N, C-alpha and C. Protein backbone atom coordinates (compact mmCIF):
# COMPACT_ATOMS: atom_id res chain seq x y z
N MET A 1 0.84 -1.18 0.00
CA MET A 1 0.00 0.00 0.00
C MET A 1 0.88 1.24 0.00
N LEU A 2 0.41 2.25 -0.66
CA LEU A 2 1.08 3.55 -0.71
C LEU A 2 0.28 4.51 0.14
N THR A 3 0.96 5.22 1.04
CA THR A 3 0.32 6.18 1.92
C THR A 3 0.72 7.58 1.50
N PHE A 4 -0.26 8.48 1.45
CA PHE A 4 0.05 9.89 1.18
C PHE A 4 -0.99 10.77 1.84
N PHE A 5 -0.63 12.02 1.99
CA PHE A 5 -1.50 13.01 2.60
C PHE A 5 -1.80 14.10 1.59
N VAL A 6 -2.98 14.70 1.72
CA VAL A 6 -3.33 15.84 0.87
C VAL A 6 -3.80 16.97 1.78
N GLN A 7 -3.11 18.10 1.69
CA GLN A 7 -3.56 19.31 2.37
C GLN A 7 -4.55 19.98 1.43
N ILE A 8 -5.67 20.43 1.97
CA ILE A 8 -6.74 20.98 1.14
C ILE A 8 -7.09 22.38 1.61
N LYS A 9 -7.05 23.32 0.67
CA LYS A 9 -7.52 24.68 0.93
C LYS A 9 -8.91 24.79 0.34
N CYS A 10 -9.85 25.22 1.15
CA CYS A 10 -11.26 25.30 0.73
C CYS A 10 -11.65 26.75 0.42
N GLN A 11 -12.69 26.88 -0.36
CA GLN A 11 -13.28 28.20 -0.55
C GLN A 11 -13.85 28.64 0.79
N LEU A 12 -13.92 29.94 1.02
CA LEU A 12 -14.39 30.46 2.29
C LEU A 12 -15.77 29.90 2.64
N GLY A 13 -15.89 29.40 3.86
CA GLY A 13 -17.15 28.87 4.34
C GLY A 13 -17.49 27.47 3.87
N LYS A 14 -16.58 26.80 3.19
CA LYS A 14 -16.88 25.49 2.60
C LYS A 14 -16.12 24.33 3.25
N SER A 15 -15.35 24.57 4.28
CA SER A 15 -14.51 23.52 4.88
C SER A 15 -15.33 22.31 5.34
N TYR A 16 -16.42 22.56 6.04
CA TYR A 16 -17.22 21.44 6.55
C TYR A 16 -17.93 20.71 5.42
N ASP A 17 -18.37 21.44 4.40
CA ASP A 17 -18.99 20.80 3.24
C ASP A 17 -17.99 19.88 2.54
N VAL A 18 -16.78 20.38 2.34
CA VAL A 18 -15.75 19.59 1.67
C VAL A 18 -15.39 18.37 2.51
N ALA A 19 -15.22 18.55 3.81
CA ALA A 19 -14.88 17.42 4.69
C ALA A 19 -15.98 16.36 4.65
N ASN A 20 -17.22 16.78 4.68
CA ASN A 20 -18.34 15.82 4.63
C ASN A 20 -18.40 15.09 3.30
N LYS A 21 -18.17 15.80 2.20
CA LYS A 21 -18.20 15.16 0.87
C LYS A 21 -17.04 14.17 0.73
N LEU A 22 -15.90 14.55 1.27
CA LEU A 22 -14.74 13.66 1.23
C LEU A 22 -15.01 12.41 2.06
N ALA A 23 -15.61 12.59 3.23
CA ALA A 23 -15.95 11.44 4.08
C ALA A 23 -17.00 10.56 3.42
N ASP A 24 -17.99 11.16 2.79
CA ASP A 24 -19.04 10.40 2.11
C ASP A 24 -18.49 9.58 0.95
N ALA A 25 -17.42 10.08 0.31
CA ALA A 25 -16.81 9.36 -0.81
C ALA A 25 -16.05 8.12 -0.33
N GLU A 26 -15.75 8.05 0.96
CA GLU A 26 -15.05 6.90 1.56
C GLU A 26 -13.74 6.56 0.85
N ILE A 27 -12.97 7.60 0.54
CA ILE A 27 -11.68 7.39 -0.11
C ILE A 27 -10.52 7.74 0.81
N ALA A 28 -10.77 8.52 1.86
CA ALA A 28 -9.73 8.92 2.81
C ALA A 28 -9.87 8.09 4.08
N SER A 29 -8.73 7.72 4.66
CA SER A 29 -8.80 6.96 5.91
C SER A 29 -9.01 7.89 7.10
N GLU A 30 -8.50 9.12 7.02
CA GLU A 30 -8.66 10.10 8.08
C GLU A 30 -8.75 11.48 7.47
N ILE A 31 -9.54 12.35 8.09
CA ILE A 31 -9.70 13.73 7.64
C ILE A 31 -9.65 14.62 8.87
N TYR A 32 -8.77 15.61 8.86
CA TYR A 32 -8.61 16.52 9.99
C TYR A 32 -8.81 17.96 9.54
N SER A 33 -9.40 18.78 10.40
CA SER A 33 -9.40 20.23 10.16
C SER A 33 -8.07 20.75 10.70
N THR A 34 -7.51 21.74 10.04
CA THR A 34 -6.20 22.27 10.42
C THR A 34 -6.22 23.79 10.40
N ALA A 35 -5.25 24.38 11.06
CA ALA A 35 -5.05 25.83 11.03
C ALA A 35 -3.86 26.12 10.12
N GLY A 36 -3.81 27.31 9.59
CA GLY A 36 -2.68 27.69 8.74
C GLY A 36 -3.12 27.92 7.31
N ASP A 37 -2.22 27.62 6.39
CA ASP A 37 -2.47 27.88 4.97
C ASP A 37 -3.52 26.95 4.37
N PHE A 38 -3.73 25.78 4.97
CA PHE A 38 -4.70 24.82 4.46
C PHE A 38 -5.75 24.55 5.53
N ASP A 39 -6.94 24.16 5.10
CA ASP A 39 -8.07 23.97 6.01
C ASP A 39 -8.24 22.52 6.46
N LEU A 40 -7.88 21.57 5.61
CA LEU A 40 -8.07 20.16 5.90
C LEU A 40 -6.80 19.39 5.57
N LEU A 41 -6.63 18.26 6.26
CA LEU A 41 -5.55 17.31 5.97
C LEU A 41 -6.19 15.94 5.89
N ALA A 42 -6.01 15.28 4.76
CA ALA A 42 -6.61 13.96 4.55
C ALA A 42 -5.50 12.94 4.30
N LYS A 43 -5.67 11.75 4.88
CA LYS A 43 -4.72 10.66 4.73
C LYS A 43 -5.35 9.60 3.83
N PHE A 44 -4.56 9.14 2.87
CA PHE A 44 -5.05 8.17 1.90
C PHE A 44 -4.13 6.96 1.84
N TYR A 45 -4.72 5.80 1.60
CA TYR A 45 -4.01 4.57 1.30
C TYR A 45 -4.51 4.09 -0.06
N VAL A 46 -3.59 3.83 -0.97
CA VAL A 46 -3.96 3.29 -2.28
C VAL A 46 -3.04 2.12 -2.59
N PRO A 47 -3.46 1.22 -3.45
CA PRO A 47 -2.60 0.09 -3.81
C PRO A 47 -1.29 0.57 -4.45
N THR A 48 -0.22 -0.16 -4.15
CA THR A 48 1.07 0.14 -4.77
C THR A 48 0.91 0.14 -6.28
N GLY A 49 1.52 1.10 -6.92
CA GLY A 49 1.43 1.22 -8.37
C GLY A 49 0.36 2.19 -8.83
N THR A 50 -0.48 2.65 -7.91
CA THR A 50 -1.52 3.62 -8.25
C THR A 50 -0.86 4.95 -8.63
N ASP A 51 -1.35 5.58 -9.65
CA ASP A 51 -0.88 6.91 -10.05
C ASP A 51 -1.51 7.93 -9.10
N VAL A 52 -0.72 8.42 -8.14
CA VAL A 52 -1.23 9.32 -7.12
C VAL A 52 -1.75 10.62 -7.73
N GLY A 53 -1.05 11.17 -8.69
CA GLY A 53 -1.50 12.40 -9.34
C GLY A 53 -2.86 12.23 -9.99
N HIS A 54 -3.04 11.12 -10.65
CA HIS A 54 -4.32 10.82 -11.30
C HIS A 54 -5.42 10.65 -10.24
N PHE A 55 -5.11 9.93 -9.16
CA PHE A 55 -6.07 9.71 -8.08
C PHE A 55 -6.51 11.04 -7.48
N VAL A 56 -5.56 11.90 -7.14
CA VAL A 56 -5.89 13.19 -6.53
C VAL A 56 -6.70 14.04 -7.51
N ASN A 57 -6.30 14.05 -8.76
CA ASN A 57 -7.00 14.83 -9.78
C ASN A 57 -8.45 14.39 -9.95
N GLU A 58 -8.68 13.09 -10.00
CA GLU A 58 -10.03 12.57 -10.27
C GLU A 58 -10.90 12.41 -9.03
N LYS A 59 -10.29 12.04 -7.90
CA LYS A 59 -11.08 11.70 -6.71
C LYS A 59 -11.17 12.82 -5.68
N VAL A 60 -10.16 13.68 -5.63
CA VAL A 60 -10.13 14.70 -4.59
C VAL A 60 -10.44 16.09 -5.16
N GLN A 61 -9.67 16.52 -6.14
CA GLN A 61 -9.78 17.89 -6.62
C GLN A 61 -11.11 18.22 -7.27
N ASN A 62 -11.89 17.23 -7.64
CA ASN A 62 -13.19 17.51 -8.27
C ASN A 62 -14.31 17.71 -7.25
N ILE A 63 -14.01 17.63 -5.95
CA ILE A 63 -15.01 17.88 -4.92
C ILE A 63 -15.31 19.37 -4.89
N PRO A 64 -16.57 19.76 -5.02
CA PRO A 64 -16.93 21.19 -5.01
C PRO A 64 -16.49 21.86 -3.71
N GLY A 65 -15.95 23.05 -3.82
CA GLY A 65 -15.53 23.82 -2.65
C GLY A 65 -14.03 23.78 -2.40
N ILE A 66 -13.30 22.93 -3.14
CA ILE A 66 -11.85 22.87 -2.99
C ILE A 66 -11.22 23.93 -3.88
N GLN A 67 -10.35 24.71 -3.28
CA GLN A 67 -9.66 25.77 -4.00
C GLN A 67 -8.25 25.37 -4.43
N ASP A 68 -7.57 24.59 -3.55
CA ASP A 68 -6.18 24.23 -3.83
C ASP A 68 -5.83 22.98 -3.04
N THR A 69 -4.83 22.23 -3.50
CA THR A 69 -4.35 21.06 -2.76
C THR A 69 -2.83 21.02 -2.80
N ARG A 70 -2.28 20.32 -1.82
CA ARG A 70 -0.85 20.03 -1.80
C ARG A 70 -0.71 18.57 -1.39
N THR A 71 -0.08 17.76 -2.21
CA THR A 71 0.07 16.33 -1.95
C THR A 71 1.43 16.06 -1.34
N ILE A 72 1.42 15.25 -0.27
CA ILE A 72 2.65 14.88 0.42
C ILE A 72 2.78 13.36 0.33
N ILE A 73 3.80 12.91 -0.39
CA ILE A 73 4.07 11.48 -0.54
C ILE A 73 4.93 11.05 0.66
N THR A 74 4.59 9.90 1.24
CA THR A 74 5.37 9.39 2.38
C THR A 74 6.17 8.17 1.96
N PHE A 75 7.23 7.92 2.72
CA PHE A 75 8.11 6.80 2.42
C PHE A 75 8.01 5.68 3.45
N LYS A 76 8.07 6.02 4.74
CA LYS A 76 8.08 5.00 5.78
C LYS A 76 7.48 5.57 7.06
N ALA A 77 6.68 4.75 7.72
CA ALA A 77 6.13 5.13 9.02
C ALA A 77 7.03 4.58 10.11
N PHE A 78 7.28 5.36 11.14
CA PHE A 78 8.14 4.92 12.25
C PHE A 78 7.31 4.76 13.50
């Protein structure tokens, strides 16, 4: 499995809507609200070999209310 995180910046007033739509899609293992430049942090697990860019583009960025994303690829959990 490949693990990665996506920081999500939402349109003003849309953070809870985006978090709920992301949860309803059942594609993220965890979703957190955050402070700072981004509003949400979502953790994803996908099968090894999955094109992460394609996954984020088709499954995450098309959720209404998302303004910007930043993907963080991970290597190893300690």
